[in-house]
Amino acid sequence: MAIGYVLINVQPGTEQKVYHDVKALPHVTDATVLFGDHDLIVKLEANDLATIAKAVVEHIRSVEGVVTTKTLAGADLD
């Protein structure tokens, strides 16, 4: 199982809409609105990192209001 976290910046005033839109996307298991350098953090789970990358490029970045994303890959240390 691969886990990724995506830090998202959105257009001002679109935080709630983007939050709800992103939560409904495939592979998204959690989303939280943030205060600070980024507007949202989203957790994705999939069979591999390629699927997570594809979800970010094809789904998250296409959500209206998303300006930038930064993807962090989780490491399995077991």
N, C-alpha and C. Protein backbone atom coordinates (compact mmCIF):
# COMPACT_ATOMS: atom_id res chain seq x y z
N MET A 1 0.85 -1.18 0.00
CA MET A 1 0.00 0.00 0.00
C MET A 1 0.89 1.24 0.00
N ALA A 2 0.59 2.15 -0.88
CA ALA A 2 1.32 3.42 -0.97
C ALA A 2 0.46 4.54 -0.38
N ILE A 3 1.12 5.47 0.30
CA ILE A 3 0.42 6.61 0.89
C ILE A 3 1.11 7.88 0.41
N GLY A 4 0.31 8.86 0.05
CA GLY A 4 0.83 10.15 -0.35
C GLY A 4 0.04 11.26 0.32
N TYR A 5 0.70 12.37 0.53
CA TYR A 5 0.06 13.56 1.08
C TYR A 5 0.23 14.67 0.06
N VAL A 6 -0.82 15.43 -0.17
CA VAL A 6 -0.77 16.51 -1.13
C VAL A 6 -1.09 17.82 -0.42
N LEU A 7 -0.16 18.76 -0.48
CA LEU A 7 -0.37 20.11 0.04
C LEU A 7 -0.93 20.93 -1.12
N ILE A 8 -2.06 21.59 -0.88
CA ILE A 8 -2.76 22.29 -1.95
C ILE A 8 -2.94 23.76 -1.59
N ASN A 9 -2.68 24.62 -2.56
CA ASN A 9 -3.02 26.03 -2.46
C ASN A 9 -4.15 26.30 -3.44
N VAL A 10 -5.11 27.11 -3.01
CA VAL A 10 -6.30 27.37 -3.82
C VAL A 10 -6.49 28.87 -4.03
N GLN A 11 -7.36 29.20 -4.96
CA GLN A 11 -7.73 30.59 -5.15
C GLN A 11 -8.48 31.07 -3.91
N PRO A 12 -8.20 32.29 -3.46
CA PRO A 12 -8.89 32.80 -2.26
C PRO A 12 -10.41 32.70 -2.41
N GLY A 13 -11.04 32.22 -1.35
CA GLY A 13 -12.49 32.10 -1.33
C GLY A 13 -13.03 30.77 -1.83
N THR A 14 -12.13 29.89 -2.32
CA THR A 14 -12.60 28.60 -2.85
C THR A 14 -12.26 27.43 -1.92
N GLU A 15 -11.79 27.72 -0.73
CA GLU A 15 -11.33 26.67 0.18
C GLU A 15 -12.40 25.61 0.44
N GLN A 16 -13.62 26.03 0.79
CA GLN A 16 -14.67 25.06 1.11
C GLN A 16 -15.06 24.23 -0.11
N LYS A 17 -15.21 24.86 -1.26
CA LYS A 17 -15.60 24.14 -2.46
C LYS A 17 -14.53 23.12 -2.85
N VAL A 18 -13.27 23.54 -2.84
CA VAL A 18 -12.18 22.63 -3.19
C VAL A 18 -12.12 21.49 -2.18
N TYR A 19 -12.27 21.78 -0.91
CA TYR A 19 -12.27 20.76 0.14
C TYR A 19 -13.30 19.68 -0.16
N HIS A 20 -14.53 20.09 -0.43
CA HIS A 20 -15.61 19.12 -0.69
C HIS A 20 -15.39 18.38 -2.01
N ASP A 21 -14.91 19.06 -3.03
CA ASP A 21 -14.66 18.42 -4.32
C ASP A 21 -13.54 17.38 -4.20
N VAL A 22 -12.48 17.72 -3.50
CA VAL A 22 -11.33 16.82 -3.37
C VAL A 22 -11.68 15.60 -2.53
N LYS A 23 -12.48 15.78 -1.48
CA LYS A 23 -12.85 14.65 -0.62
C LYS A 23 -13.59 13.56 -1.39
N ALA A 24 -14.24 13.92 -2.47
CA ALA A 24 -15.03 12.96 -3.25
C ALA A 24 -14.21 12.23 -4.31
N LEU A 25 -12.94 12.57 -4.46
CA LEU A 25 -12.11 11.99 -5.52
C LEU A 25 -11.62 10.59 -5.16
N PRO A 26 -11.31 9.78 -6.19
CA PRO A 26 -10.77 8.44 -5.94
C PRO A 26 -9.44 8.50 -5.19
N HIS A 27 -9.25 7.56 -4.30
CA HIS A 27 -8.02 7.36 -3.52
C HIS A 27 -7.85 8.36 -2.38
N VAL A 28 -8.71 9.36 -2.26
CA VAL A 28 -8.61 10.33 -1.16
C VAL A 28 -9.24 9.71 0.08
N THR A 29 -8.46 9.60 1.15
CA THR A 29 -8.97 9.02 2.39
C THR A 29 -9.16 10.05 3.49
N ASP A 30 -8.59 11.24 3.32
CA ASP A 30 -8.75 12.29 4.33
C ASP A 30 -8.36 13.63 3.72
N ALA A 31 -8.97 14.68 4.21
CA ALA A 31 -8.63 16.04 3.77
C ALA A 31 -8.86 16.98 4.95
N THR A 32 -7.98 17.96 5.08
CA THR A 32 -8.06 18.93 6.18
C THR A 32 -7.74 20.31 5.65
N VAL A 33 -8.55 21.29 6.03
CA VAL A 33 -8.26 22.69 5.70
C VAL A 33 -7.19 23.17 6.66
N LEU A 34 -6.20 23.90 6.13
CA LEU A 34 -5.08 24.38 6.93
C LEU A 34 -5.05 25.91 6.98
N PHE A 35 -4.32 26.42 7.94
CA PHE A 35 -4.00 27.84 8.01
C PHE A 35 -2.49 27.93 7.98
N GLY A 36 -1.95 28.75 7.11
CA GLY A 36 -0.50 28.87 7.00
C GLY A 36 -0.07 28.91 5.54
N ASP A 37 1.02 28.24 5.23
CA ASP A 37 1.59 28.28 3.88
C ASP A 37 0.74 27.56 2.85
N HIS A 38 -0.08 26.60 3.28
CA HIS A 38 -0.92 25.83 2.37
C HIS A 38 -2.36 25.88 2.86
N ASP A 39 -3.30 25.66 1.93
CA ASP A 39 -4.71 25.77 2.26
C ASP A 39 -5.35 24.43 2.65
N LEU A 40 -4.88 23.34 2.06
CA LEU A 40 -5.41 22.02 2.38
C LEU A 40 -4.28 20.99 2.38
N ILE A 41 -4.51 19.91 3.13
CA ILE A 41 -3.66 18.73 3.03
C ILE A 41 -4.60 17.56 2.78
N VAL A 42 -4.22 16.72 1.83
CA VAL A 42 -5.05 15.59 1.42
C VAL A 42 -4.22 14.32 1.54
N LYS A 43 -4.81 13.28 2.09
CA LYS A 43 -4.14 11.98 2.18
C LYS A 43 -4.72 11.06 1.11
N LEU A 44 -3.83 10.42 0.35
CA LEU A 44 -4.23 9.46 -0.68
C LEU A 44 -3.66 8.09 -0.35
N GLU A 45 -4.41 7.05 -0.63
CA GLU A 45 -3.94 5.68 -0.48
C GLU A 45 -4.22 4.92 -1.77
N ALA A 46 -3.24 4.15 -2.22
CA ALA A 46 -3.39 3.37 -3.46
C ALA A 46 -2.43 2.19 -3.40
N ASN A 47 -2.48 1.34 -4.41
CA ASN A 47 -1.60 0.18 -4.46
C ASN A 47 -0.14 0.55 -4.71
N ASP A 48 0.09 1.68 -5.39
CA ASP A 48 1.46 2.07 -5.71
C ASP A 48 1.55 3.58 -5.88
N LEU A 49 2.77 4.09 -5.88
CA LEU A 49 2.98 5.54 -6.01
C LEU A 49 2.58 6.07 -7.38
N ALA A 50 2.67 5.23 -8.40
CA ALA A 50 2.26 5.66 -9.75
C ALA A 50 0.78 6.01 -9.77
N THR A 51 -0.03 5.25 -9.06
CA THR A 51 -1.47 5.52 -8.99
C THR A 51 -1.74 6.82 -8.24
N ILE A 52 -0.95 7.06 -7.19
CA ILE A 52 -1.10 8.32 -6.46
C ILE A 52 -0.71 9.49 -7.35
N ALA A 53 0.39 9.38 -8.06
CA ALA A 53 0.81 10.46 -8.97
C ALA A 53 -0.25 10.73 -10.02
N LYS A 54 -0.83 9.67 -10.55
CA LYS A 54 -1.88 9.82 -11.57
C LYS A 54 -3.12 10.51 -10.98
N ALA A 55 -3.47 10.16 -9.74
CA ALA A 55 -4.62 10.79 -9.08
C ALA A 55 -4.39 12.29 -8.89
N VAL A 56 -3.16 12.66 -8.54
CA VAL A 56 -2.85 14.09 -8.36
C VAL A 56 -2.95 14.82 -9.70
N VAL A 57 -2.31 14.28 -10.72
CA VAL A 57 -2.26 14.96 -12.02
C VAL A 57 -3.63 14.99 -12.70
N GLU A 58 -4.33 13.87 -12.69
CA GLU A 58 -5.58 13.79 -13.44
C GLU A 58 -6.80 14.27 -12.67
N HIS A 59 -6.77 14.17 -11.34
CA HIS A 59 -7.98 14.50 -10.58
C HIS A 59 -7.83 15.76 -9.73
N ILE A 60 -6.85 15.77 -8.83
CA ILE A 60 -6.74 16.90 -7.90
C ILE A 60 -6.42 18.19 -8.64
N ARG A 61 -5.46 18.16 -9.54
CA ARG A 61 -5.07 19.39 -10.24
C ARG A 61 -6.16 19.92 -11.17
N SER A 62 -7.13 19.08 -11.51
CA SER A 62 -8.20 19.53 -12.41
C SER A 62 -9.39 20.13 -11.64
N VAL A 63 -9.36 20.08 -10.31
CA VAL A 63 -10.44 20.67 -9.52
C VAL A 63 -10.38 22.19 -9.66
N GLU A 64 -11.52 22.77 -9.97
CA GLU A 64 -11.60 24.23 -10.12
C GLU A 64 -11.23 24.90 -8.80
N GLY A 65 -10.31 25.83 -8.85
CA GLY A 65 -9.86 26.56 -7.66
C GLY A 65 -8.48 26.14 -7.20
N VAL A 66 -8.01 24.94 -7.59
CA VAL A 66 -6.68 24.50 -7.21
C VAL A 66 -5.65 25.29 -8.01
N VAL A 67 -4.69 25.89 -7.31
CA VAL A 67 -3.65 26.69 -7.95
C VAL A 67 -2.34 25.91 -8.02
N THR A 68 -1.89 25.37 -6.88
CA THR A 68 -0.65 24.60 -6.86
C THR A 68 -0.80 23.38 -5.96
N THR A 69 0.02 22.36 -6.25
CA THR A 69 0.06 21.17 -5.40
C THR A 69 1.51 20.80 -5.13
N LYS A 70 1.73 20.18 -3.99
CA LYS A 70 3.04 19.62 -3.65
C LYS A 70 2.76 18.23 -3.07
N THR A 71 3.30 17.21 -3.71
CA THR A 71 3.02 15.83 -3.31
C THR A 71 4.19 15.27 -2.50
N LEU A 72 3.85 14.65 -1.38
CA LEU A 72 4.83 14.02 -0.51
C LEU A 72 4.52 12.53 -0.47
N ALA A 73 5.51 11.70 -0.75
CA ALA A 73 5.32 10.25 -0.74
C ALA A 73 5.64 9.71 0.65
N GLY A 74 4.75 8.89 1.17
CA GLY A 74 4.98 8.25 2.45
C GLY A 74 5.96 7.09 2.29
N ALA A 75 6.74 6.82 3.32
CA ALA A 75 7.72 5.73 3.29
C ALA A 75 7.27 4.61 4.21
N ASP A 76 7.35 3.39 3.72
CA ASP A 76 7.04 2.21 4.52
C ASP A 76 8.35 1.65 5.07
N LEU A 77 8.59 1.80 6.36
CA LEU A 77 9.86 1.40 6.96
C LEU A 77 9.83 0.02 7.58
N ASP A 78 8.76 -0.72 7.39
CA ASP A 78 8.68 -2.09 7.93
C ASP A 78 9.45 -3.07 7.11
